[in-house]
């Protein structure tokens, strides 16, 4: 009798917006009206996958 072949479970696909890292970059703005300008960038948790890095089901 032949042994049964076992297949590995499929790997989850990475999240699109964060590319599987769980972090996204957000731009921080300062000023009002026409003088509003970007001043920095900060890391934020990806809201699509909540930091898991895998695509939501």
C-alpha atoms as a PDB file:
ATOM      1  CA  UNK A   1       0.000   0.000   0.000  1.00  0.00           C
ATOM      2  CA  UNK A   2       1.342   3.430  -0.986  1.00  0.00           C
ATOM      3  CA  UNK A   3       1.792   6.208   1.547  1.00  0.00           C
ATOM      4  CA  UNK A   4      -0.575   9.144   1.327  1.00  0.00           C
ATOM      5  CA  UNK A   5       0.802  12.416   0.034  1.00  0.00           C
ATOM      6  CA  UNK A   6       0.245  15.343   2.320  1.00  0.00           C
ATOM      7  CA  UNK A   7       0.065  18.849   1.020  1.00  0.00           C
ATOM      8  CA  UNK A   8       1.104  21.856   3.028  1.00  0.00           C
ATOM      9  CA  UNK A   9      -1.674  24.294   3.939  1.00  0.00           C
ATOM     10  CA  UNK A  10      -1.753  27.342   1.645  1.00  0.00           C
ATOM     11  CA  UNK A  11       0.166  30.392   2.823  1.00  0.00           C
ATOM     12  CA  UNK A  12      -2.000  33.469   3.441  1.00  0.00           C
ATOM     13  CA  UNK A  13      -1.557  36.220   0.894  1.00  0.00           C
ATOM     14  CA  UNK A  14       0.031  39.496   2.082  1.00  0.00           C
ATOM     15  CA  UNK A  15      -2.110  42.564   2.671  1.00  0.00           C
ATOM     16  CA  UNK A  16      -2.173  44.994  -0.257  1.00  0.00           C
ATOM     17  CA  UNK A  17      -1.816  48.447   1.356  1.00  0.00           C
ATOM     18  CA  UNK A  18       0.999  47.472   3.760  1.00  0.00           C
ATOM     19  CA  UNK A  19       2.598  44.784   1.534  1.00  0.00           C
ATOM     20  CA  UNK A  20       2.604  42.295   4.410  1.00  0.00           C
ATOM     21  CA  UNK A  21       4.484  44.404   6.960  1.00  0.00           C
ATOM     22  CA  UNK A  22       1.499  45.489   9.085  1.00  0.00           C
ATOM     23  CA  UNK A  23       2.687  49.118   9.043  1.00  0.00           C
ATOM     24  CA  UNK A  24       1.834  52.005   6.739  1.00  0.00           C
ATOM     25  CA  UNK A  25       3.334  55.487   6.437  1.00  0.00           C
ATOM     26  CA  UNK A  26       1.113  58.486   7.145  1.00  0.00           C
ATOM     27  CA  UNK A  27       1.969  62.104   6.326  1.00  0.00           C
ATOM     28  CA  UNK A  28       1.583  64.659   9.131  1.00  0.00           C
ATOM     29  CA  UNK A  29       0.432  68.133   8.071  1.00  0.00           C
ATOM     30  CA  UNK A  30       0.761  71.500   9.846  1.00  0.00           C
ATOM     31  CA  UNK A  31      -0.940  74.819   9.229  1.00  0.00           C
ATOM     32  CA  UNK A  32      -4.357  75.984   8.077  1.00  0.00           C
ATOM     33  CA  UNK A  33      -5.876  76.766   4.715  1.00  0.00           C
ATOM     34  CA  UNK A  34      -3.464  77.656   1.933  1.00  0.00           C
ATOM     35  CA  UNK A  35      -0.461  77.473   4.293  1.00  0.00           C
ATOM     36  CA  UNK A  36      -1.026  73.783   5.078  1.00  0.00           C
ATOM     37  CA  UNK A  37       2.175  71.840   4.443  1.00  0.00           C
ATOM     38  CA  UNK A  38       3.552  68.349   5.115  1.00  0.00           C
ATOM     39  CA  UNK A  39       6.054  68.385   7.974  1.00  0.00           C
ATOM     40  CA  UNK A  40       6.818  64.721   8.723  1.00  0.00           C
ATOM     41  CA  UNK A  41       5.902  61.097   8.119  1.00  0.00           C
ATOM     42  CA  UNK A  42       5.068  58.574  10.807  1.00  0.00           C
ATOM     43  CA  UNK A  43       4.465  54.833  10.961  1.00  0.00           C
ATOM     44  CA  UNK A  44       0.907  53.693  11.637  1.00  0.00           C
ATOM     45  CA  UNK A  45      -0.773  50.290  12.015  1.00  0.00           C
ATOM     46  CA  UNK A  46      -2.455  49.112   8.827  1.00  0.00           C
ATOM     47  CA  UNK A  47      -6.214  49.407   9.295  1.00  0.00           C
ATOM     48  CA  UNK A  48      -7.017  46.805   6.625  1.00  0.00           C
ATOM     49  CA  UNK A  49      -5.235  43.886   8.326  1.00  0.00           C
ATOM     50  CA  UNK A  50      -4.904  45.435  11.841  1.00  0.00           C
ATOM     51  CA  UNK A  51      -1.148  44.861  11.861  1.00  0.00           C
ATOM     52  CA  UNK A  52      -1.258  41.117  11.034  1.00  0.00           C
ATOM     53  CA  UNK A  53       0.204  41.539   7.546  1.00  0.00           C
ATOM     54  CA  UNK A  54      -2.152  39.017   5.942  1.00  0.00           C
ATOM     55  CA  UNK A  55      -5.024  39.834   3.632  1.00  0.00           C
ATOM     56  CA  UNK A  56      -8.387  40.004   5.416  1.00  0.00           C
ATOM     57  CA  UNK A  57     -10.721  37.112   4.726  1.00  0.00           C
END
